[in-house]
Structure formats: structure tokens, C-alpha cells
Amino acid sequence: MIKNMKDAEREAAFRVADAMCAAAHTAPKANGLDKIRTLIISGDDIEPLAMEMELAGKEYDLDFFCRDADNIRNSHCVVLIAAKGTASGVPHCGMCGFENCAEMSKADACCSFSATDLGIAIGSAVALAADNRIDNRVMYSIGRSALRLKLFADNVKLCYGIPLSTGAKSNYFDRAPSSVLL
């Protein structure tokens, strides 16, 4: 059997995406509660997400949403890493800005432990991608659009997206065509 470079790179990106989900889920958590959720978006399912990013970019007047939508269209897949916003129940914590978990929940806010856990999970996932030399970039625009589409069934309040690609030059840095030396 002969496998061409493009097929090998695509398969490698998907293997890494699977491993990134495992790394995110097994990452250390601030108080041990399992609030991390992951999804992998690929193939025809990328386009609805890209379209939502463009819609949000126009609605919010944020051009980078549209730029990032083009980036994910040129990616093998997108890993979504999210966190449920439910209270952790730590007495007298107040790190979320509310007096207690009940006040935070009443305001439909997000527990600061969730944000911390999400950051740790994302760090674990992108470290794995980098260790495997798969181009990636953490993008708020993807996560915000995924939340708008309600892609997660749980009480997910925070989400970031990480597109994965392989190629001679990263899609996600120095993105202007003029940045490539000819």
C-alpha cells in the first residue's frame, strides 16, 4: 500500500484531535469536578460553524470572526473544548464576583473554577498538538459561535475552538498572503 502525504497528514490530524479530547478531559481540575466537554467538528459540519462565525462577525462588527471562519474552512477539523458553568459549591469562595454559589447561579453567571479548568484543559490539548507538530491556534471566535449554535447539550457556558491543519505554512499565523516570502 502507498499512502500519499495529504492522506497521512489528514489521518495524523484526526489522531491528534482524538488525543486532544482525552488530554482535555484528563487535565487537572481545580476542585476535581468534571465540567469539561469536547467535540470534534469535521467535513461538512465545518461549514455551518464557519457561516455562524461570519454571521456573528457581522453582527458584532468583529472582522476577525470572518477571517477565522476562512481559517477553519482550510482545516482538517476543529476541536471544541468547553466547560459547564455550574457552581462548584466552595463555601465563601467569591472568585466569580458573587457572594456565594447561590448568588452566582441566580444570576446565571459562570463559576470561576470552570474558567480555570477550561484553561488548564486547553493548555493540555494544545501542548499535545504542538508535540505532534500539528498546526493549531486557540480561537475565541469559534467557541463563541459554537455556543450560539448550541452544539453542546450540557449546561456549557464557556467554549474555545482549536482548528488543526498541516501544511508547509500554518493557516493560523502570518495569515496575509503578503506575509509569505516568494
N, C-alpha and C. Protein backbone atom coordinates (compact mmCIF):
# COMPACT_ATOMS: atom_id res chain seq x y z
N MET A 1 0.84 -1.18 0.00
CA MET A 1 0.00 0.00 0.00
C MET A 1 0.88 1.24 0.00
N ILE A 2 0.48 2.22 -0.76
CA ILE A 2 1.16 3.52 -0.78
C ILE A 2 0.17 4.56 -0.29
N LYS A 3 0.59 5.31 0.71
CA LYS A 3 -0.26 6.38 1.23
C LYS A 3 0.37 7.71 0.87
N ASN A 4 -0.40 8.60 0.26
CA ASN A 4 0.18 9.88 -0.11
C ASN A 4 0.27 10.81 1.10
N MET A 5 1.03 11.86 0.94
CA MET A 5 1.33 12.80 2.01
C MET A 5 0.06 13.43 2.59
N LYS A 6 -0.85 13.87 1.73
CA LYS A 6 -2.07 14.55 2.19
C LYS A 6 -2.93 13.63 3.05
N ASP A 7 -3.08 12.37 2.63
CA ASP A 7 -3.87 11.42 3.41
C ASP A 7 -3.21 11.14 4.76
N ALA A 8 -1.90 10.98 4.76
CA ALA A 8 -1.17 10.72 6.00
C ALA A 8 -1.31 11.90 6.96
N GLU A 9 -1.19 13.11 6.44
CA GLU A 9 -1.31 14.30 7.29
C GLU A 9 -2.72 14.44 7.85
N ARG A 10 -3.72 14.18 7.03
CA ARG A 10 -5.11 14.27 7.49
C ARG A 10 -5.36 13.25 8.61
N GLU A 11 -4.92 12.02 8.40
CA GLU A 11 -5.10 10.99 9.43
C GLU A 11 -4.37 11.36 10.71
N ALA A 12 -3.19 11.93 10.58
CA ALA A 12 -2.43 12.37 11.77
C ALA A 12 -3.19 13.45 12.52
N ALA A 13 -3.78 14.39 11.81
CA ALA A 13 -4.54 15.47 12.45
C ALA A 13 -5.73 14.90 13.22
N PHE A 14 -6.41 13.92 12.66
CA PHE A 14 -7.56 13.33 13.36
C PHE A 14 -7.14 12.49 14.56
N ARG A 15 -6.00 11.79 14.45
CA ARG A 15 -5.49 11.06 15.63
C ARG A 15 -5.17 12.03 16.74
N VAL A 16 -4.56 13.15 16.39
CA VAL A 16 -4.21 14.17 17.39
C VAL A 16 -5.48 14.79 17.97
N ALA A 17 -6.49 15.04 17.15
CA ALA A 17 -7.75 15.60 17.66
C ALA A 17 -8.36 14.69 18.72
N ASP A 18 -8.38 13.39 18.45
CA ASP A 18 -8.89 12.44 19.44
C ASP A 18 -8.08 12.51 20.73
N ALA A 19 -6.77 12.53 20.60
CA ALA A 19 -5.90 12.59 21.78
C ALA A 19 -6.06 13.91 22.53
N MET A 20 -6.30 15.00 21.79
CA MET A 20 -6.53 16.29 22.44
C MET A 20 -7.78 16.25 23.32
N CYS A 21 -8.82 15.58 22.85
CA CYS A 21 -10.03 15.46 23.65
C CYS A 21 -9.75 14.69 24.94
N ALA A 22 -8.98 13.63 24.83
CA ALA A 22 -8.61 12.87 26.02
C ALA A 22 -7.74 13.70 26.96
N ALA A 23 -6.79 14.44 26.40
CA ALA A 23 -5.91 15.29 27.22
C ALA A 23 -6.71 16.36 27.94
N ALA A 24 -7.69 16.95 27.26
CA ALA A 24 -8.52 17.98 27.88
C ALA A 24 -9.34 17.40 29.02
N HIS A 25 -9.91 16.22 28.79
CA HIS A 25 -10.77 15.62 29.80
C HIS A 25 -9.99 15.14 31.02
N THR A 26 -8.77 14.66 30.81
CA THR A 26 -7.98 14.14 31.92
C THR A 26 -7.10 15.20 32.57
N ALA A 27 -7.15 16.42 32.08
CA ALA A 27 -6.32 17.50 32.66
C ALA A 27 -6.72 17.74 34.12
N PRO A 28 -5.77 18.21 34.92
CA PRO A 28 -6.09 18.51 36.33
C PRO A 28 -7.24 19.51 36.44
N LYS A 29 -8.01 19.35 37.49
CA LYS A 29 -9.15 20.23 37.72
C LYS A 29 -9.01 20.89 39.09
N ALA A 30 -9.47 22.14 39.16
CA ALA A 30 -9.28 22.94 40.37
C ALA A 30 -9.88 22.30 41.61
N ASN A 31 -11.05 21.71 41.50
CA ASN A 31 -11.61 21.04 42.68
C ASN A 31 -12.15 19.65 42.36
N GLY A 32 -11.68 19.08 41.27
CA GLY A 32 -11.97 17.69 40.95
C GLY A 32 -13.30 17.41 40.28
N LEU A 33 -14.12 18.43 40.04
CA LEU A 33 -15.41 18.22 39.39
C LEU A 33 -15.23 18.15 37.87
N ASP A 34 -15.92 17.21 37.26
CA ASP A 34 -15.80 17.00 35.81
C ASP A 34 -16.78 17.92 35.08
N LYS A 35 -16.29 19.06 34.60
CA LYS A 35 -17.13 20.02 33.88
C LYS A 35 -16.68 20.20 32.43
N ILE A 36 -15.64 19.53 32.01
CA ILE A 36 -15.08 19.71 30.67
C ILE A 36 -15.84 18.84 29.66
N ARG A 37 -16.13 19.44 28.50
CA ARG A 37 -16.80 18.75 27.41
C ARG A 37 -16.02 19.02 26.12
N THR A 38 -15.96 18.05 25.22
CA THR A 38 -15.24 18.24 23.95
C THR A 38 -16.08 17.71 22.79
N LEU A 39 -15.84 18.28 21.64
CA LEU A 39 -16.41 17.81 20.37
C LEU A 39 -15.35 17.99 19.29
N ILE A 40 -15.44 17.19 18.25
CA ILE A 40 -14.60 17.37 17.06
C ILE A 40 -15.54 17.63 15.89
N ILE A 41 -15.31 18.73 15.20
CA ILE A 41 -16.11 19.11 14.04
C ILE A 41 -15.25 18.89 12.80
N SER A 42 -15.81 18.23 11.78
CA SER A 42 -15.04 18.00 10.55
C SER A 42 -15.99 17.87 9.37
N GLY A 43 -15.40 17.77 8.20
CA GLY A 43 -16.16 17.55 6.98
C GLY A 43 -17.21 18.61 6.74
N ASP A 44 -18.39 18.17 6.34
CA ASP A 44 -19.49 19.08 6.02
C ASP A 44 -19.99 19.85 7.23
N ASP A 45 -19.68 19.39 8.45
CA ASP A 45 -20.14 20.09 9.65
C ASP A 45 -19.33 21.34 9.95
N ILE A 46 -18.21 21.54 9.27
CA ILE A 46 -17.42 22.77 9.47
C ILE A 46 -18.15 23.97 8.87
N GLU A 47 -18.79 23.80 7.74
CA GLU A 47 -19.40 24.95 7.05
C GLU A 47 -20.48 25.66 7.87
N PRO A 48 -21.42 24.96 8.53
CA PRO A 48 -22.39 25.69 9.35
C PRO A 48 -21.73 26.50 10.47
N LEU A 49 -20.66 25.96 11.04
CA LEU A 49 -19.93 26.70 12.07
C LEU A 49 -19.26 27.93 11.47
N ALA A 50 -18.63 27.77 10.32
CA ALA A 50 -17.99 28.91 9.64
C ALA A 50 -19.02 29.98 9.29
N MET A 51 -20.18 29.56 8.82
CA MET A 51 -21.24 30.52 8.48
C MET A 51 -21.73 31.27 9.71
N GLU A 52 -21.85 30.57 10.83
CA GLU A 52 -22.26 31.23 12.08
C GLU A 52 -21.19 32.22 12.54
N MET A 53 -19.92 31.87 12.34
CA MET A 53 -18.83 32.79 12.69
C MET A 53 -18.93 34.07 11.86
N GLU A 54 -19.21 33.92 10.57
CA GLU A 54 -19.35 35.11 9.71
C GLU A 54 -20.56 35.94 10.12
N LEU A 55 -21.65 35.28 10.44
CA LEU A 55 -22.85 35.99 10.89
C LEU A 55 -22.56 36.76 12.18
N ALA A 56 -21.90 36.11 13.13
CA ALA A 56 -21.56 36.76 14.39
C ALA A 56 -20.58 37.91 14.16
N GLY A 57 -19.63 37.72 13.26
CA GLY A 57 -18.66 38.77 12.95
C GLY A 57 -19.34 40.02 12.42
N LYS A 58 -20.31 39.83 11.56
CA LYS A 58 -21.05 40.98 11.03
C LYS A 58 -21.93 41.61 12.10
N GLU A 59 -22.59 40.76 12.89
CA GLU A 59 -23.47 41.25 13.96
C GLU A 59 -22.70 42.04 15.01
N TYR A 60 -21.53 41.55 15.40
CA TYR A 60 -20.72 42.20 16.44
C TYR A 60 -19.73 43.21 15.87
N ASP A 61 -19.66 43.31 14.53
CA ASP A 61 -18.69 44.18 13.85
C ASP A 61 -17.26 43.81 14.25
N LEU A 62 -16.98 42.50 14.17
CA LEU A 62 -15.66 41.96 14.50
C LEU A 62 -15.13 41.19 13.30
N ASP A 63 -14.26 41.84 12.54
CA ASP A 63 -13.73 41.25 11.31
C ASP A 63 -13.00 39.93 11.54
N PHE A 64 -12.39 39.77 12.73
CA PHE A 64 -11.59 38.56 12.94
C PHE A 64 -12.46 37.30 12.96
N PHE A 65 -13.74 37.42 13.27
CA PHE A 65 -14.62 36.26 13.19
C PHE A 65 -14.67 35.74 11.75
N CYS A 66 -14.77 36.65 10.79
CA CYS A 66 -14.83 36.27 9.37
C CYS A 66 -13.50 35.69 8.90
N ARG A 67 -12.40 36.30 9.33
CA ARG A 67 -11.07 35.77 8.99
C ARG A 67 -10.92 34.36 9.55
N ASP A 68 -11.33 34.16 10.81
CA ASP A 68 -11.21 32.85 11.44
C ASP A 68 -12.12 31.82 10.77
N ALA A 69 -13.27 32.26 10.25
CA ALA A 69 -14.16 31.35 9.52
C ALA A 69 -13.45 30.79 8.30
N ASP A 70 -12.72 31.64 7.59
CA ASP A 70 -11.94 31.15 6.45
C ASP A 70 -10.86 30.18 6.90
N ASN A 71 -10.26 30.46 8.07
CA ASN A 71 -9.23 29.55 8.59
C ASN A 71 -9.79 28.16 8.84
N ILE A 72 -10.98 28.06 9.43
CA ILE A 72 -11.48 26.72 9.74
C ILE A 72 -11.91 25.98 8.47
N ARG A 73 -12.30 26.72 7.45
CA ARG A 73 -12.63 26.07 6.17
C ARG A 73 -11.40 25.39 5.56
N ASN A 74 -10.23 25.87 5.92
CA ASN A 74 -8.98 25.31 5.40
C ASN A 74 -8.29 24.40 6.43
N SER A 75 -9.08 23.86 7.35
CA SER A 75 -8.55 22.99 8.40
C SER A 75 -9.07 21.57 8.22
N HIS A 76 -8.31 20.61 8.74
CA HIS A 76 -8.78 19.22 8.72
C HIS A 76 -9.99 19.06 9.62
N CYS A 77 -9.93 19.67 10.80
CA CYS A 77 -11.00 19.55 11.78
C CYS A 77 -10.85 20.66 12.81
N VAL A 78 -11.86 20.77 13.67
CA VAL A 78 -11.84 21.75 14.76
C VAL A 78 -12.17 21.00 16.04
N VAL A 79 -11.34 21.16 17.05
CA VAL A 79 -11.61 20.60 18.37
C VAL A 79 -12.26 21.70 19.21
N LEU A 80 -13.44 21.42 19.74
CA LEU A 80 -14.10 22.33 20.66
C LEU A 80 -13.87 21.83 22.08
N ILE A 81 -13.42 22.72 22.93
CA ILE A 81 -13.25 22.39 24.34
C ILE A 81 -14.09 23.39 25.13
N ALA A 82 -14.97 22.85 25.97
CA ALA A 82 -15.93 23.69 26.67
C ALA A 82 -16.00 23.29 28.14
N ALA A 83 -16.64 24.16 28.91
CA ALA A 83 -16.82 23.89 30.34
C ALA A 83 -18.24 24.24 30.75
N LYS A 84 -18.83 23.38 31.55
CA LYS A 84 -20.12 23.69 32.14
C LYS A 84 -19.91 24.84 33.13
N GLY A 85 -20.90 25.67 33.30
CA GLY A 85 -20.76 26.84 34.17
C GLY A 85 -21.31 26.64 35.57
N THR A 86 -21.73 25.43 35.88
CA THR A 86 -22.38 25.17 37.16
C THR A 86 -21.45 25.46 38.35
N ALA A 87 -22.07 25.82 39.45
CA ALA A 87 -21.33 26.18 40.66
C ALA A 87 -20.54 24.99 41.19
N SER A 88 -19.39 25.29 41.75
CA SER A 88 -18.54 24.24 42.33
C SER A 88 -18.88 23.97 43.79
N GLY A 89 -19.59 24.89 44.42
CA GLY A 89 -20.02 24.67 45.80
C GLY A 89 -18.95 24.91 46.84
N VAL A 90 -17.96 25.71 46.53
CA VAL A 90 -16.91 26.03 47.50
C VAL A 90 -17.43 27.15 48.40
N PRO A 91 -17.59 26.90 49.70
CA PRO A 91 -18.15 27.92 50.59
C PRO A 91 -17.28 29.18 50.63
N HIS A 92 -17.93 30.33 50.58
CA HIS A 92 -17.28 31.64 50.73
C HIS A 92 -16.18 31.90 49.70
N CYS A 93 -16.26 31.29 48.55
CA CYS A 93 -15.23 31.45 47.52
C CYS A 93 -15.23 32.89 46.98
N GLY A 94 -16.30 33.28 46.32
CA GLY A 94 -16.42 34.64 45.80
C GLY A 94 -15.54 34.99 44.62
N MET A 95 -14.77 34.05 44.08
CA MET A 95 -13.85 34.38 42.98
C MET A 95 -14.59 34.75 41.70
N CYS A 96 -15.86 34.39 41.60
CA CYS A 96 -16.65 34.72 40.41
C CYS A 96 -17.20 36.14 40.48
N GLY A 97 -17.02 36.80 41.61
CA GLY A 97 -17.55 38.15 41.77
C GLY A 97 -18.86 38.20 42.53
N PHE A 98 -19.40 37.05 42.85
CA PHE A 98 -20.63 36.99 43.62
C PHE A 98 -20.31 36.54 45.05
N GLU A 99 -21.23 36.81 45.95
CA GLU A 99 -21.00 36.49 47.35
C GLU A 99 -20.89 34.99 47.59
N ASN A 100 -21.68 34.22 46.86
CA ASN A 100 -21.66 32.77 47.03
C ASN A 100 -22.19 32.08 45.77
N CYS A 101 -22.17 30.77 45.77
CA CYS A 101 -22.59 30.00 44.59
C CYS A 101 -24.07 30.21 44.27
N ALA A 102 -24.89 30.35 45.29
CA ALA A 102 -26.32 30.56 45.05
C ALA A 102 -26.56 31.87 44.30
N GLU A 103 -25.86 32.93 44.69
CA GLU A 103 -25.99 34.23 44.00
C GLU A 103 -25.49 34.13 42.56
N MET A 104 -24.39 33.42 42.39
CA MET A 104 -23.85 33.24 41.04
C MET A 104 -24.85 32.48 40.16
N SER A 105 -25.40 31.42 40.69
CA SER A 105 -26.36 30.62 39.93
C SER A 105 -27.62 31.41 39.61
N LYS A 106 -28.09 32.21 40.56
CA LYS A 106 -29.28 33.03 40.35
C LYS A 106 -29.06 34.02 39.21
N ALA A 107 -27.85 34.53 39.09
CA ALA A 107 -27.51 35.49 38.03
C ALA A 107 -27.19 34.80 36.70
N ASP A 108 -27.24 33.47 36.69
CA ASP A 108 -26.89 32.68 35.50
C ASP A 108 -25.47 33.00 35.03
N ALA A 109 -24.59 33.21 36.00
CA ALA A 109 -23.18 33.52 35.71
C ALA A 109 -22.39 32.21 35.63
N CYS A 110 -21.09 32.33 35.58
CA CYS A 110 -20.22 31.17 35.41
C CYS A 110 -19.23 31.07 36.57
N CYS A 111 -19.06 29.88 37.07
CA CYS A 111 -18.13 29.62 38.16
C CYS A 111 -16.68 29.84 37.70
N SER A 112 -15.91 30.51 38.51
CA SER A 112 -14.51 30.77 38.15
C SER A 112 -13.70 29.48 38.08
N PHE A 113 -14.10 28.46 38.82
CA PHE A 113 -13.41 27.18 38.73
C PHE A 113 -13.58 26.58 37.33
N SER A 114 -14.74 26.82 36.71
CA SER A 114 -14.96 26.33 35.34
C SER A 114 -14.00 26.99 34.37
N ALA A 115 -13.82 28.30 34.51
CA ALA A 115 -12.89 29.03 33.63
C ALA A 115 -11.46 28.54 33.83
N THR A 116 -11.09 28.32 35.07
CA THR A 116 -9.75 27.82 35.37
C THR A 116 -9.55 26.43 34.78
N ASP A 117 -10.52 25.54 35.00
CA ASP A 117 -10.44 24.18 34.47
C ASP A 117 -10.36 24.19 32.94
N LEU A 118 -11.13 25.08 32.31
CA LEU A 118 -11.11 25.17 30.85
C LEU A 118 -9.73 25.59 30.36
N GLY A 119 -9.13 26.56 31.02
CA GLY A 119 -7.79 27.00 30.62
C GLY A 119 -6.76 25.89 30.74
N ILE A 120 -6.84 25.13 31.82
CA ILE A 120 -5.91 24.01 32.01
C ILE A 120 -6.14 22.95 30.93
N ALA A 121 -7.40 22.65 30.64
CA ALA A 121 -7.74 21.65 29.63
C ALA A 121 -7.24 22.07 28.25
N ILE A 122 -7.44 23.34 27.90
CA ILE A 122 -6.98 23.83 26.61
C ILE A 122 -5.46 23.76 26.53
N GLY A 123 -4.78 24.14 27.60
CA GLY A 123 -3.32 24.07 27.62
C GLY A 123 -2.82 22.65 27.40
N SER A 124 -3.45 21.68 28.05
CA SER A 124 -3.07 20.28 27.86
C SER A 124 -3.28 19.85 26.41
N ALA A 125 -4.40 20.25 25.83
CA ALA A 125 -4.73 19.84 24.47
C ALA A 125 -3.79 20.45 23.44
N VAL A 126 -3.52 21.74 23.54
CA VAL A 126 -2.66 22.37 22.52
C VAL A 126 -1.21 21.96 22.70
N ALA A 127 -0.81 21.61 23.91
CA ALA A 127 0.55 21.09 24.11
C ALA A 127 0.71 19.78 23.36
N LEU A 128 -0.32 18.95 23.42
CA LEU A 128 -0.28 17.68 22.71
C LEU A 128 -0.22 17.91 21.19
N ALA A 129 -1.01 18.84 20.70
CA ALA A 129 -0.97 19.15 19.26
C ALA A 129 0.41 19.66 18.86
N ALA A 130 0.98 20.54 19.67
CA ALA A 130 2.30 21.08 19.37
C ALA A 130 3.36 19.97 19.41
N ASP A 131 3.26 19.08 20.39
CA ASP A 131 4.21 17.97 20.49
C ASP A 131 4.16 17.06 19.26
N ASN A 132 3.01 17.05 18.59
CA ASN A 132 2.84 16.23 17.38
C ASN A 132 2.99 17.03 16.10
N ARG A 133 3.43 18.27 16.22
CA ARG A 133 3.70 19.15 15.08
C ARG A 133 2.49 19.35 14.18
N ILE A 134 1.31 19.46 14.81
CA ILE A 134 0.08 19.77 14.08
C ILE A 134 -0.22 21.24 14.32
N ASP A 135 -0.35 22.02 13.24
CA ASP A 135 -0.64 23.44 13.37
C ASP A 135 -1.99 23.64 14.05
N ASN A 136 -2.02 24.58 15.00
CA ASN A 136 -3.25 24.83 15.73
C ASN A 136 -3.23 26.24 16.30
N ARG A 137 -4.39 26.72 16.68
CA ARG A 137 -4.49 28.01 17.34
C ARG A 137 -5.79 28.05 18.14
N VAL A 138 -5.73 28.51 19.37
CA VAL A 138 -6.92 28.65 20.20
C VAL A 138 -7.69 29.88 19.71
N MET A 139 -8.98 29.69 19.42
CA MET A 139 -9.79 30.79 18.88
C MET A 139 -11.09 30.97 19.66
N TYR A 140 -11.22 32.17 20.22
CA TYR A 140 -12.46 32.57 20.89
C TYR A 140 -13.63 32.58 19.92
N SER A 141 -13.39 33.07 18.71
CA SER A 141 -14.46 33.24 17.72
C SER A 141 -15.17 31.92 17.43
N ILE A 142 -14.43 30.84 17.39
CA ILE A 142 -15.02 29.52 17.14
C ILE A 142 -15.90 29.12 18.32
N GLY A 143 -15.36 29.27 19.53
CA GLY A 143 -16.11 28.89 20.72
C GLY A 143 -17.38 29.69 20.89
N ARG A 144 -17.29 30.99 20.67
CA ARG A 144 -18.47 31.86 20.80
C ARG A 144 -19.54 31.44 19.80
N SER A 145 -19.14 31.13 18.60
CA SER A 145 -20.09 30.71 17.57
C SER A 145 -20.66 29.33 17.86
N ALA A 146 -19.86 28.43 18.40
CA ALA A 146 -20.35 27.10 18.80
C ALA A 146 -21.41 27.23 19.88
N LEU A 147 -21.21 28.16 20.82
CA LEU A 147 -22.22 28.39 21.85
C LEU A 147 -23.51 28.93 21.24
N ARG A 148 -23.39 29.83 20.28
CA ARG A 148 -24.58 30.37 19.60
C ARG A 148 -25.36 29.26 18.90
N LEU A 149 -24.65 28.26 18.37
CA LEU A 149 -25.29 27.14 17.68
C LEU A 149 -25.79 26.07 18.65
N LYS A 150 -25.46 26.22 19.93
CA LYS A 150 -25.86 25.24 20.96
C LYS A 150 -25.41 23.82 20.59
N LEU A 151 -24.14 23.70 20.25
CA LEU A 151 -23.60 22.40 19.85
C LEU A 151 -23.46 21.43 21.02
N PHE A 152 -23.38 21.96 22.23
CA PHE A 152 -23.25 21.11 23.42
C PHE A 152 -24.61 20.97 24.09
N ALA A 153 -24.93 19.76 24.53
CA ALA A 153 -26.21 19.51 25.18
C ALA A 153 -26.22 19.95 26.64
N ASP A 154 -25.07 19.89 27.29
CA ASP A 154 -24.98 20.21 28.71
C ASP A 154 -25.10 21.71 28.95
N ASN A 155 -25.03 22.09 30.20
CA ASN A 155 -25.06 23.49 30.62
C ASN A 155 -23.70 24.14 30.38
N VAL A 156 -23.26 24.12 29.13
CA VAL A 156 -21.96 24.67 28.76
C VAL A 156 -22.07 26.18 28.62
N LYS A 157 -21.15 26.90 29.28
CA LYS A 157 -21.18 28.36 29.24
C LYS A 157 -19.92 28.96 28.64
N LEU A 158 -18.85 28.19 28.60
CA LEU A 158 -17.57 28.67 28.08
C LEU A 158 -17.08 27.69 27.02
N CYS A 159 -16.53 28.22 25.94
CA CYS A 159 -16.04 27.34 24.88
C CYS A 159 -15.00 28.06 24.04
N TYR A 160 -13.99 27.32 23.64
CA TYR A 160 -13.00 27.79 22.67
C TYR A 160 -12.86 26.71 21.61
N GLY A 161 -12.45 27.11 20.42
CA GLY A 161 -12.21 26.17 19.35
C GLY A 161 -10.75 26.16 18.96
N ILE A 162 -10.29 24.99 18.55
CA ILE A 162 -8.90 24.82 18.14
C ILE A 162 -8.89 24.11 16.79
N PRO A 163 -8.68 24.86 15.70
CA PRO A 163 -8.60 24.22 14.39
C PRO A 163 -7.24 23.54 14.23
N LEU A 164 -7.23 22.45 13.46
CA LEU A 164 -6.00 21.70 13.21
C LEU A 164 -5.75 21.62 11.71
N SER A 165 -4.51 21.86 11.32
CA SER A 165 -4.14 21.73 9.92
C SER A 165 -2.69 21.29 9.81
N THR A 166 -2.35 20.85 8.62
CA THR A 166 -0.96 20.51 8.32
C THR A 166 -0.63 21.14 6.98
N GLY A 167 0.56 21.53 6.83
CA GLY A 167 0.99 22.13 5.57
C GLY A 167 2.35 22.76 5.73
N ALA A 168 2.85 23.28 4.65
CA ALA A 168 4.16 23.91 4.68
C ALA A 168 4.17 25.17 5.51
N LYS A 169 3.01 25.82 5.64
CA LYS A 169 2.89 27.06 6.41
C LYS A 169 1.59 27.00 7.19
N SER A 170 1.63 27.44 8.43
CA SER A 170 0.44 27.44 9.27
C SER A 170 -0.63 28.38 8.71
N ASN A 171 -1.87 27.91 8.69
CA ASN A 171 -3.01 28.75 8.31
C ASN A 171 -3.28 29.84 9.33
N TYR A 172 -2.78 29.67 10.55
CA TYR A 172 -3.26 30.47 11.68
C TYR A 172 -2.32 31.58 12.12
N PHE A 173 -1.16 31.69 11.50
CA PHE A 173 -0.22 32.75 11.83
C PHE A 173 0.27 33.38 10.54
N ASP A 174 0.59 34.67 10.60
CA ASP A 174 1.01 35.39 9.38
C ASP A 174 0.03 35.08 8.25
N ARG A 175 -1.25 35.38 8.50
CA ARG A 175 -2.32 34.91 7.63
C ARG A 175 -2.48 35.69 6.33
N ALA A 176 -1.85 36.83 6.20
CA ALA A 176 -1.97 37.59 4.96
C ALA A 176 -1.09 36.95 3.88
N PRO A 177 -1.60 36.83 2.66
CA PRO A 177 -0.77 36.23 1.59
C PRO A 177 0.56 36.96 1.42
N SER A 178 0.58 38.25 1.70
CA SER A 178 1.82 39.02 1.54
C SER A 178 2.88 38.64 2.58
N SER A 179 2.49 37.86 3.61
CA SER A 179 3.47 37.50 4.64
C SER A 179 4.36 36.34 4.21
N VAL A 180 4.04 35.71 3.09
CA VAL A 180 4.85 34.61 2.58
C VAL A 180 5.90 35.19 1.65
N LEU A 181 7.15 34.89 1.95
CA LEU A 181 8.24 35.36 1.09
C LEU A 181 8.28 34.52 -0.17
N LEU A 182 8.38 35.16 -1.31
CA LEU A 182 8.41 34.42 -2.58
C LEU A 182 9.79 34.38 -3.16
